[in-house]
Amino acid sequence: MKPQPPAWICRLVRTFRWHAWFFAAINLALTGINIATGRPWWALWPLLATGFAFGLHYILFKAFTIDERWVDERVRDLTIKSYDRSHIEDIRERRQKHDAGREAR
């Protein structure tokens, strides 16, 4: 049985969609206000700050949601699209040998 991830990882994954909506809504509202007031574009600074925070959240989200199923799908896609299939086959063989060696221990 696979061990459960820590609670903070579950929360990080669960809150990602909310963060995406919040990012879009706040920045659209601020940009709308900025356009309506006609002043220099001050909405850039909140956009950069929230964009940086959202980017970090995305990187962490992706880092903790990649699993074996995702890896297998990605390998299959790359194999189908690859022009150098022999290179992909070599990587697959090395991975299988590594996994077999790991199971032998």
C-alpha atoms as a PDB file:
ATOM      1  CA  MET A   1       0.000   0.000   0.000  1.00  0.00           C
ATOM      2  CA  LYS A   2       1.268   3.438  -0.908  1.00  0.00           C
ATOM      3  CA  PRO A   3       1.920   5.745   2.075  1.00  0.00           C
ATOM      4  CA  GLN A   4      -0.229   8.865   2.320  1.00  0.00           C
ATOM      5  CA  PRO A   5       1.520  12.145   1.496  1.00  0.00           C
ATOM      6  CA  PRO A   6       1.924  14.703   4.265  1.00  0.00           C
ATOM      7  CA  ALA A   7      -1.067  16.955   4.924  1.00  0.00           C
ATOM      8  CA  TRP A   8       0.640  20.057   3.530  1.00  0.00           C
ATOM      9  CA  ILE A   9       1.121  18.360   0.146  1.00  0.00           C
ATOM     10  CA  CYS A  10      -2.573  17.439   0.011  1.00  0.00           C
ATOM     11  CA  ARG A  11      -3.462  21.017   0.865  1.00  0.00           C
ATOM     12  CA  LEU A  12      -1.067  22.374  -1.778  1.00  0.00           C
ATOM     13  CA  VAL A  13      -2.688  20.239  -4.473  1.00  0.00           C
ATOM     14  CA  ARG A  14      -6.223  20.997  -3.282  1.00  0.00           C
ATOM     15  CA  THR A  15      -5.723  24.760  -3.212  1.00  0.00           C
ATOM     16  CA  PHE A  16      -4.080  25.062  -6.628  1.00  0.00           C
ATOM     17  CA  ARG A  17      -7.352  25.464  -8.564  1.00  0.00           C
ATOM     18  CA  TRP A  18      -8.583  28.078  -6.072  1.00  0.00           C
ATOM     19  CA  HIS A  19      -5.294  29.957  -6.423  1.00  0.00           C
ATOM     20  CA  ALA A  20      -5.630  29.967 -10.235  1.00  0.00           C
ATOM     21  CA  TRP A  21      -9.122  31.495 -10.065  1.00  0.00           C
ATOM     22  CA  PHE A  22      -8.032  34.002  -7.449  1.00  0.00           C
ATOM     23  CA  PHE A  23      -5.022  35.026  -9.537  1.00  0.00           C
ATOM     24  CA  ALA A  24      -7.154  35.569 -12.644  1.00  0.00           C
ATOM     25  CA  ALA A  25      -9.988  37.390 -10.853  1.00  0.00           C
ATOM     26  CA  ILE A  26      -7.808  39.770  -8.843  1.00  0.00           C
ATOM     27  CA  ASN A  27      -5.577  40.681 -11.756  1.00  0.00           C
ATOM     28  CA  LEU A  28      -8.499  41.181 -14.145  1.00  0.00           C
ATOM     29  CA  ALA A  29     -10.232  43.407 -11.593  1.00  0.00           C
ATOM     30  CA  LEU A  30      -7.112  45.475 -10.935  1.00  0.00           C
ATOM     31  CA  THR A  31      -6.403  45.819 -14.644  1.00  0.00           C
ATOM     32  CA  GLY A  32     -10.012  46.895 -15.227  1.00  0.00           C
ATOM     33  CA  ILE A  33      -9.739  49.511 -12.491  1.00  0.00           C
ATOM     34  CA  ASN A  34      -6.433  50.678 -13.925  1.00  0.00           C
ATOM     35  CA  ILE A  35      -7.933  51.043 -17.411  1.00  0.00           C
ATOM     36  CA  ALA A  36     -10.994  52.836 -16.021  1.00  0.00           C
ATOM     37  CA  THR A  37      -8.896  55.388 -14.114  1.00  0.00           C
ATOM     38  CA  GLY A  38      -6.661  56.045 -17.126  1.00  0.00           C
ATOM     39  CA  ARG A  39      -3.535  56.486 -15.061  1.00  0.00           C
ATOM     40  CA  PRO A  40      -0.141  54.910 -15.791  1.00  0.00           C
ATOM     41  CA  TRP A  41      -0.263  51.170 -15.575  1.00  0.00           C
ATOM     42  CA  TRP A  42       0.202  50.567 -11.837  1.00  0.00           C
ATOM     43  CA  ALA A  43      -1.540  47.174 -12.056  1.00  0.00           C
ATOM     44  CA  LEU A  44       1.726  45.715 -13.334  1.00  0.00           C
ATOM     45  CA  TRP A  45       3.209  45.468  -9.830  1.00  0.00           C
ATOM     46  CA  PRO A  46       0.400  43.411  -8.262  1.00  0.00           C
ATOM     47  CA  LEU A  47       0.362  41.288 -11.428  1.00  0.00           C
ATOM     48  CA  LEU A  48       4.093  40.562 -11.087  1.00  0.00           C
ATOM     49  CA  ALA A  49       3.830  39.787  -7.365  1.00  0.00           C
ATOM     50  CA  THR A  50       0.827  37.477  -7.676  1.00  0.00           C
ATOM     51  CA  GLY A  51       2.299  35.955 -10.845  1.00  0.00           C
ATOM     52  CA  PHE A  52       5.484  35.091  -8.982  1.00  0.00           C
ATOM     53  CA  ALA A  53       3.502  33.499  -6.131  1.00  0.00           C
ATOM     54  CA  PHE A  54       1.285  31.623  -8.579  1.00  0.00           C
ATOM     55  CA  GLY A  55       4.339  30.415 -10.506  1.00  0.00           C
ATOM     56  CA  LEU A  56       5.895  29.002  -7.333  1.00  0.00           C
ATOM     57  CA  HIS A  57       2.613  27.308  -6.464  1.00  0.00           C
ATOM     58  CA  TYR A  58       2.462  25.792  -9.966  1.00  0.00           C
ATOM     59  CA  ILE A  59       6.010  24.454  -9.735  1.00  0.00           C
ATOM     60  CA  LEU A  60       5.307  22.860  -6.343  1.00  0.00           C
ATOM     61  CA  PHE A  61       1.967  21.519  -7.586  1.00  0.00           C
ATOM     62  CA  LYS A  62       3.624  19.850 -10.560  1.00  0.00           C
ATOM     63  CA  ALA A  63       6.516  18.527  -8.467  1.00  0.00           C
ATOM     64  CA  PHE A  64       4.191  16.712  -6.078  1.00  0.00           C
ATOM     65  CA  THR A  65       1.558  15.483  -8.544  1.00  0.00           C
ATOM     66  CA  ILE A  66       3.847  13.610 -10.920  1.00  0.00           C
ATOM     67  CA  ASP A  67       3.400   9.878 -10.425  1.00  0.00           C
ATOM     68  CA  GLU A  68       4.260   6.667 -12.262  1.00  0.00           C
ATOM     69  CA  ARG A  69       1.118   6.858 -14.407  1.00  0.00           C
ATOM     70  CA  TRP A  70       2.105  10.346 -15.629  1.00  0.00           C
ATOM     71  CA  VAL A  71       5.633   9.160 -16.355  1.00  0.00           C
ATOM     72  CA  ASP A  72       4.375   6.169 -18.348  1.00  0.00           C
ATOM     73  CA  GLU A  73       2.012   8.368 -20.392  1.00  0.00           C
ATOM     74  CA  ARG A  74       4.785  10.858 -21.085  1.00  0.00           C
ATOM     75  CA  VAL A  75       7.207   8.096 -22.140  1.00  0.00           C
ATOM     76  CA  ARG A  76       4.546   6.673 -24.469  1.00  0.00           C
ATOM     77  CA  ASP A  77       3.929  10.099 -26.029  1.00  0.00           C
ATOM     78  CA  LEU A  78       7.637  10.748 -26.515  1.00  0.00           C
ATOM     79  CA  THR A  79       8.158   7.312 -27.985  1.00  0.00           C
ATOM     80  CA  ILE A  80       5.415   7.838 -30.541  1.00  0.00           C
ATOM     81  CA  LYS A  81       6.646  11.323 -31.477  1.00  0.00           C
ATOM     82  CA  SER A  82      10.347  10.539 -31.338  1.00  0.00           C
ATOM     83  CA  TYR A  83      12.551  10.569 -34.411  1.00  0.00           C
ATOM     84  CA  ASP A  84      15.310   8.759 -32.531  1.00  0.00           C
ATOM     85  CA  ARG A  85      13.472   5.735 -31.178  1.00  0.00           C
ATOM     86  CA  SER A  86      16.666   3.797 -30.453  1.00  0.00           C
ATOM     87  CA  HIS A  87      17.632   6.427 -27.882  1.00  0.00           C
ATOM     88  CA  ILE A  88      14.246   6.082 -26.173  1.00  0.00           C
ATOM     89  CA  GLU A  89      14.568   2.287 -26.185  1.00  0.00           C
ATOM     90  CA  ASP A  90      18.003   2.570 -24.532  1.00  0.00           C
ATOM     91  CA  ILE A  91      16.540   4.757 -21.796  1.00  0.00           C
ATOM     92  CA  ARG A  92      13.673   2.300 -21.276  1.00  0.00           C
ATOM     93  CA  GLU A  93      16.099  -0.643 -20.989  1.00  0.00           C
ATOM     94  CA  ARG A  94      18.273   1.236 -18.473  1.00  0.00           C
ATOM     95  CA  ARG A  95      15.183   2.074 -16.413  1.00  0.00           C
ATOM     96  CA  GLN A  96      14.029  -1.540 -16.429  1.00  0.00           C
ATOM     97  CA  LYS A  97      17.500  -2.701 -15.343  1.00  0.00           C
ATOM     98  CA  HIS A  98      17.549  -0.063 -12.617  1.00  0.00           C
ATOM     99  CA  ASP A  99      14.088  -1.108 -11.409  1.00  0.00           C
ATOM    100  CA  ALA A 100      15.088  -4.805 -11.473  1.00  0.00           C
ATOM    101  CA  GLY A 101      18.229  -4.036  -9.487  1.00  0.00           C
ATOM    102  CA  ARG A 102      16.209  -2.053  -6.996  1.00  0.00           C
ATOM    103  CA  GLU A 103      13.733  -4.937  -6.522  1.00  0.00           C
ATOM    104  CA  ALA A 104      16.589  -7.415  -6.071  1.00  0.00           C
ATOM    105  CA  ARG A 105      17.872  -5.505  -3.038  1.00  0.00           C
END
